């Protein structure tokens, strides 16, 4: 917890129990929604409101301690992984989100065909696909496949019951 106290102070924010709790929640639950964070805080800070969590998230994103991502068809998500050039892959069936390191390694990863006079500093990429767990479930439901070719579900599947899936067949979203 001392590291989070130092982070808050260095960022010029007061150290409060809700800020520390939200930092811990976003560390342990990457890509969590505000509702997920409120639920996680219930045991530790039972009187914390949604509005308080939104205020803390706004303060933390404002100083760069937390990053807000907004995949199409999904509520805003929050993560502690900031300051690097990573992207996200989202399952179109269950809404699971995983981090994807930049293929190029430096920002921006992409060069736009036209900058319109902007000095481009970052490109945010969202990849869309079907995670191993959903692919395996689809395979299990299809009687024309044999079990020898089923994908093995990966560890760390990030879907939660409150995770809405992106619309099937939606165009890839980029920011």
C-alpha atoms as a PDB file:
ATOM      1  CA  UNK A   1       0.000   0.000   0.000  1.00  0.00           C
ATOM      2  CA  UNK A   2       2.913   2.352   0.582  1.00  0.00           C
ATOM      3  CA  UNK A   3       3.640   2.424  -3.155  1.00  0.00           C
ATOM      4  CA  UNK A   4       0.058   3.556  -3.863  1.00  0.00           C
ATOM      5  CA  UNK A   5       0.318   6.238  -1.166  1.00  0.00           C
ATOM      6  CA  UNK A   6       3.489   7.500  -2.843  1.00  0.00           C
ATOM      7  CA  UNK A   7       1.837   7.407  -6.286  1.00  0.00           C
ATOM      8  CA  UNK A   8      -1.092   9.498  -5.068  1.00  0.00           C
ATOM      9  CA  UNK A   9       1.148  12.038  -3.350  1.00  0.00           C
ATOM     10  CA  UNK A  10       3.499  12.297  -6.325  1.00  0.00           C
ATOM     11  CA  UNK A  11       0.469  12.888  -8.572  1.00  0.00           C
ATOM     12  CA  UNK A  12      -0.665  15.701  -6.264  1.00  0.00           C
ATOM     13  CA  UNK A  13      -3.740  13.858  -4.973  1.00  0.00           C
ATOM     14  CA  UNK A  14      -4.811  13.516  -1.371  1.00  0.00           C
ATOM     15  CA  UNK A  15      -4.461  10.020   0.028  1.00  0.00           C
ATOM     16  CA  UNK A  16      -7.956   8.743   0.855  1.00  0.00           C
ATOM     17  CA  UNK A  17      -9.361   5.298   1.601  1.00  0.00           C
ATOM     18  CA  UNK A  18     -11.546   5.285  -1.552  1.00  0.00           C
ATOM     19  CA  UNK A  19      -8.608   6.245  -3.799  1.00  0.00           C
ATOM     20  CA  UNK A  20      -6.412   3.535  -2.302  1.00  0.00           C
ATOM     21  CA  UNK A  21      -9.218   0.974  -2.585  1.00  0.00           C
ATOM     22  CA  UNK A  22      -9.891   1.861  -6.242  1.00  0.00           C
ATOM     23  CA  UNK A  23      -6.174   1.586  -7.043  1.00  0.00           C
ATOM     24  CA  UNK A  24      -6.094  -1.875  -5.461  1.00  0.00           C
ATOM     25  CA  UNK A  25      -9.261  -2.915  -7.306  1.00  0.00           C
ATOM     26  CA  UNK A  26      -7.959  -1.786 -10.696  1.00  0.00           C
ATOM     27  CA  UNK A  27      -4.688  -3.588 -10.023  1.00  0.00           C
ATOM     28  CA  UNK A  28      -6.390  -6.877  -9.136  1.00  0.00           C
ATOM     29  CA  UNK A  29      -9.149  -6.593 -11.772  1.00  0.00           C
ATOM     30  CA  UNK A  30      -7.710  -5.254 -15.029  1.00  0.00           C
ATOM     31  CA  UNK A  31     -10.389  -3.905 -17.393  1.00  0.00           C
ATOM     32  CA  UNK A  32     -12.982  -3.593 -14.608  1.00  0.00           C
ATOM     33  CA  UNK A  33     -16.109  -1.488 -15.031  1.00  0.00           C
ATOM     34  CA  UNK A  34     -17.085   1.111 -12.448  1.00  0.00           C
ATOM     35  CA  UNK A  35     -19.835  -1.287 -11.294  1.00  0.00           C
ATOM     36  CA  UNK A  36     -17.235  -4.063 -10.872  1.00  0.00           C
ATOM     37  CA  UNK A  37     -15.145  -1.693  -8.747  1.00  0.00           C
ATOM     38  CA  UNK A  38     -18.128  -0.628  -6.610  1.00  0.00           C
ATOM     39  CA  UNK A  39     -18.896  -4.313  -5.983  1.00  0.00           C
ATOM     40  CA  UNK A  40     -15.267  -5.021  -5.085  1.00  0.00           C
ATOM     41  CA  UNK A  41     -15.237  -2.129  -2.615  1.00  0.00           C
ATOM     42  CA  UNK A  42     -18.435  -3.197  -0.850  1.00  0.00           C
ATOM     43  CA  UNK A  43     -16.707  -5.334   1.786  1.00  0.00           C
ATOM     44  CA  UNK A  44     -13.980  -2.796   2.558  1.00  0.00           C
ATOM     45  CA  UNK A  45     -15.963   0.445   2.165  1.00  0.00           C
ATOM     46  CA  UNK A  46     -19.672  -0.476   2.287  1.00  0.00           C
ATOM     47  CA  UNK A  47     -20.936   3.113   2.155  1.00  0.00           C
ATOM     48  CA  UNK A  48     -19.007   4.049  -0.995  1.00  0.00           C
ATOM     49  CA  UNK A  49     -21.426   5.214  -3.685  1.00  0.00           C
ATOM     50  CA  UNK A  50     -21.235   4.837  -7.438  1.00  0.00           C
ATOM     51  CA  UNK A  51     -20.770   8.606  -7.675  1.00  0.00           C
ATOM     52  CA  UNK A  52     -17.788   8.472  -5.324  1.00  0.00           C
ATOM     53  CA  UNK A  53     -16.184   5.705  -7.387  1.00  0.00           C
ATOM     54  CA  UNK A  54     -16.761   7.674 -10.606  1.00  0.00           C
ATOM     55  CA  UNK A  55     -15.167  10.722  -8.959  1.00  0.00           C
ATOM     56  CA  UNK A  56     -12.141   8.719  -7.848  1.00  0.00           C
ATOM     57  CA  UNK A  57     -11.792   7.138 -11.302  1.00  0.00           C
ATOM     58  CA  UNK A  58     -11.954  10.587 -12.912  1.00  0.00           C
ATOM     59  CA  UNK A  59      -9.248  11.890 -10.583  1.00  0.00           C
ATOM     60  CA  UNK A  60      -7.012   8.859 -11.139  1.00  0.00           C
ATOM     61  CA  UNK A  61      -7.398   8.933 -14.923  1.00  0.00           C
ATOM     62  CA  UNK A  62      -6.845  12.686 -14.906  1.00  0.00           C
ATOM     63  CA  UNK A  63      -3.373  12.259 -13.434  1.00  0.00           C
ATOM     64  CA  UNK A  64      -2.547   9.135 -15.455  1.00  0.00           C
ATOM     65  CA  UNK A  65      -2.575   6.566 -12.637  1.00  0.00           C
ATOM     66  CA  UNK A  66      -5.470   4.682 -14.259  1.00  0.00           C
ATOM     67  CA  UNK A  67      -6.365   4.345 -17.923  1.00  0.00           C
ATOM     68  CA  UNK A  68      -9.941   4.395 -19.224  1.00  0.00           C
ATOM     69  CA  UNK A  69     -10.745   2.292 -22.278  1.00  0.00           C
ATOM     70  CA  UNK A  70     -14.071   2.187 -24.069  1.00  0.00           C
ATOM     71  CA  UNK A  71     -14.515  -0.791 -26.397  1.00  0.00           C
ATOM     72  CA  UNK A  72     -17.548  -0.419 -28.675  1.00  0.00           C
ATOM     73  CA  UNK A  73     -20.701  -1.877 -27.124  1.00  0.00           C
ATOM     74  CA  UNK A  74     -19.163  -2.035 -23.658  1.00  0.00           C
ATOM     75  CA  UNK A  75     -19.177   0.262 -20.643  1.00  0.00           C
ATOM     76  CA  UNK A  76     -15.953   2.095 -19.870  1.00  0.00           C
ATOM     77  CA  UNK A  77     -13.225  -0.093 -18.402  1.00  0.00           C
ATOM     78  CA  UNK A  78     -10.341   0.906 -16.158  1.00  0.00           C
ATOM     79  CA  UNK A  79      -6.830  -0.477 -15.832  1.00  0.00           C
ATOM     80  CA  UNK A  80      -3.605   0.313 -14.009  1.00  0.00           C
ATOM     81  CA  UNK A  81      -1.378  -0.477 -16.984  1.00  0.00           C
ATOM     82  CA  UNK A  82      -0.547   3.016 -18.198  1.00  0.00           C
ATOM     83  CA  UNK A  83       2.314   4.795 -19.886  1.00  0.00           C
ATOM     84  CA  UNK A  84       3.136   2.048 -22.341  1.00  0.00           C
ATOM     85  CA  UNK A  85       1.963   1.529 -25.875  1.00  0.00           C
ATOM     86  CA  UNK A  86      -0.378  -1.445 -25.499  1.00  0.00           C
ATOM     87  CA  UNK A  87      -3.696  -2.249 -27.089  1.00  0.00           C
ATOM     88  CA  UNK A  88      -6.622  -4.573 -26.390  1.00  0.00           C
ATOM     89  CA  UNK A  89      -8.315  -7.615 -27.862  1.00  0.00           C
ATOM     90  CA  UNK A  90     -12.017  -8.096 -27.115  1.00  0.00           C
ATOM     91  CA  UNK A  91     -14.080 -11.274 -27.490  1.00  0.00           C
ATOM     92  CA  UNK A  92     -17.156 -10.529 -29.606  1.00  0.00           C
ATOM     93  CA  UNK A  93     -19.077 -13.292 -27.835  1.00  0.00           C
ATOM     94  CA  UNK A  94     -18.472 -12.777 -24.105  1.00  0.00           C
ATOM     95  CA  UNK A  95     -16.725  -9.400 -23.913  1.00  0.00           C
ATOM     96  CA  UNK A  96     -13.488 -10.701 -22.357  1.00  0.00           C
ATOM     97  CA  UNK A  97     -10.655  -8.191 -22.730  1.00  0.00           C
ATOM     98  CA  UNK A  98      -6.933  -8.884 -22.756  1.00  0.00           C
ATOM     99  CA  UNK A  99      -3.907  -6.643 -23.234  1.00  0.00           C
ATOM    100  CA  UNK A 100      -1.914  -6.863 -26.467  1.00  0.00           C
ATOM    101  CA  UNK A 101       1.562  -5.380 -26.642  1.00  0.00           C
ATOM    102  CA  UNK A 102       2.216  -3.106 -29.592  1.00  0.00           C
ATOM    103  CA  UNK A 103       3.651  -4.932 -32.584  1.00  0.00           C
ATOM    104  CA  UNK A 104       5.870  -1.956 -33.430  1.00  0.00           C
ATOM    105  CA  UNK A 105       6.925  -1.110 -29.886  1.00  0.00           C
ATOM    106  CA  UNK A 106       6.788   2.666 -30.100  1.00  0.00           C
ATOM    107  CA  UNK A 107       4.000   5.201 -30.362  1.00  0.00           C
ATOM    108  CA  UNK A 108       2.238   5.728 -32.598  1.00  0.00           C
ATOM    109  CA  UNK A 109       1.962   2.195 -33.991  1.00  0.00           C
ATOM    110  CA  UNK A 110       0.160   3.319 -37.097  1.00  0.00           C
ATOM    111  CA  UNK A 111       0.797   6.085 -39.526  1.00  0.00           C
ATOM    112  CA  UNK A 112      -2.403   7.780 -40.683  1.00  0.00           C
ATOM    113  CA  UNK A 113      -2.853   8.436 -44.379  1.00  0.00           C
ATOM    114  CA  UNK A 114      -3.711  12.064 -43.506  1.00  0.00           C
ATOM    115  CA  UNK A 115      -2.866  13.931 -40.297  1.00  0.00           C
ATOM    116  CA  UNK A 116      -4.862  17.098 -41.032  1.00  0.00           C
ATOM    117  CA  UNK A 117      -2.075  19.050 -39.364  1.00  0.00           C
ATOM    118  CA  UNK A 118      -2.103  16.998 -36.141  1.00  0.00           C
ATOM    119  CA  UNK A 119       1.130  15.851 -34.514  1.00  0.00           C
ATOM    120  CA  UNK A 120       0.175  12.204 -34.004  1.00  0.00           C
ATOM    121  CA  UNK A 121       1.436  10.846 -30.677  1.00  0.00           C
ATOM    122  CA  UNK A 122      -0.637   7.722 -30.060  1.00  0.00           C
ATOM    123  CA  UNK A 123      -2.769   5.165 -31.860  1.00  0.00           C
ATOM    124  CA  UNK A 124      -5.231   3.082 -29.868  1.00  0.00           C
ATOM    125  CA  UNK A 125      -6.087  -0.222 -31.469  1.00  0.00           C
ATOM    126  CA  UNK A 126      -8.859  -2.597 -30.484  1.00  0.00           C
ATOM    127  CA  UNK A 127      -8.700  -6.070 -31.969  1.00  0.00           C
ATOM    128  CA  UNK A 128     -11.929  -8.104 -32.068  1.00  0.00           C
ATOM    129  CA  UNK A 129     -12.205 -11.872 -32.156  1.00  0.00           C
ATOM    130  CA  UNK A 130     -13.410 -14.963 -30.335  1.00  0.00           C
ATOM    131  CA  UNK A 131     -11.538 -16.026 -27.209  1.00  0.00           C
ATOM    132  CA  UNK A 132     -10.418 -19.618 -26.696  1.00  0.00           C
ATOM    133  CA  UNK A 133     -13.147 -20.328 -24.143  1.00  0.00           C
ATOM    134  CA  UNK A 134     -15.959 -19.180 -26.465  1.00  0.00           C
ATOM    135  CA  UNK A 135     -14.388 -20.947 -29.444  1.00  0.00           C
ATOM    136  CA  UNK A 136     -14.235 -24.151 -27.411  1.00  0.00           C
ATOM    137  CA  UNK A 137     -17.850 -23.720 -26.285  1.00  0.00           C
ATOM    138  CA  UNK A 138     -18.942 -23.147 -29.894  1.00  0.00           C
ATOM    139  CA  UNK A 139     -16.974 -26.217 -30.931  1.00  0.00           C
ATOM    140  CA  UNK A 140     -18.592 -28.296 -28.179  1.00  0.00           C
ATOM    141  CA  UNK A 141     -22.042 -27.234 -29.415  1.00  0.00           C
ATOM    142  CA  UNK A 142     -21.249 -28.236 -33.012  1.00  0.00           C
ATOM    143  CA  UNK A 143     -21.780 -31.986 -33.508  1.00  0.00           C
ATOM    144  CA  UNK A 144     -19.831 -31.953 -36.824  1.00  0.00           C
ATOM    145  CA  UNK A 145     -16.479 -31.469 -35.032  1.00  0.00           C
ATOM    146  CA  UNK A 146     -14.577 -34.112 -33.120  1.00  0.00           C
ATOM    147  CA  UNK A 147     -13.061 -33.309 -29.733  1.00  0.00           C
ATOM    148  CA  UNK A 148      -9.458 -33.847 -30.845  1.00  0.00           C
ATOM    149  CA  UNK A 149      -9.343 -30.419 -32.512  1.00  0.00           C
ATOM    150  CA  UNK A 150     -10.964 -28.383 -29.731  1.00  0.00           C
ATOM    151  CA  UNK A 151      -9.012 -25.292 -28.640  1.00  0.00           C
ATOM    152  CA  UNK A 152      -7.800 -25.344 -25.062  1.00  0.00           C
ATOM    153  CA  UNK A 153      -9.327 -22.486 -23.027  1.00  0.00           C
ATOM    154  CA  UNK A 154      -6.653 -20.116 -21.766  1.00  0.00           C
ATOM    155  CA  UNK A 155      -6.089 -19.074 -18.182  1.00  0.00           C
ATOM    156  CA  UNK A 156      -7.076 -15.611 -17.055  1.00  0.00           C
ATOM    157  CA  UNK A 157     -10.314 -15.369 -19.021  1.00  0.00           C
ATOM    158  CA  UNK A 158     -11.541 -11.899 -18.078  1.00  0.00           C
ATOM    159  CA  UNK A 159     -15.275 -12.156 -18.710  1.00  0.00           C
ATOM    160  CA  UNK A 160     -17.578 -11.374 -15.841  1.00  0.00           C
ATOM    161  CA  UNK A 161     -21.360 -11.790 -15.578  1.00  0.00           C
ATOM    162  CA  UNK A 162     -21.727  -8.025 -16.031  1.00  0.00           C
ATOM    163  CA  UNK A 163     -19.616  -8.004 -19.197  1.00  0.00           C
ATOM    164  CA  UNK A 164     -21.780  -7.216 -22.221  1.00  0.00           C
ATOM    165  CA  UNK A 165     -20.573  -8.731 -25.453  1.00  0.00           C
ATOM    166  CA  UNK A 166     -19.808  -6.478 -28.373  1.00  0.00           C
ATOM    167  CA  UNK A 167     -22.309  -6.759 -31.176  1.00  0.00           C
ATOM    168  CA  UNK A 168     -21.602  -9.802 -33.322  1.00  0.00           C
ATOM    169  CA  UNK A 169     -20.255  -8.822 -36.699  1.00  0.00           C
ATOM    170  CA  UNK A 170     -19.457  -5.293 -35.565  1.00  0.00           C
ATOM    171  CA  UNK A 171     -16.719  -3.506 -37.400  1.00  0.00           C
ATOM    172  CA  UNK A 172     -13.390  -3.348 -35.610  1.00  0.00           C
ATOM    173  CA  UNK A 173     -13.257  -0.267 -33.428  1.00  0.00           C
ATOM    174  CA  UNK A 174     -10.289   2.018 -33.138  1.00  0.00           C
ATOM    175  CA  UNK A 175      -9.872   5.215 -31.207  1.00  0.00           C
END
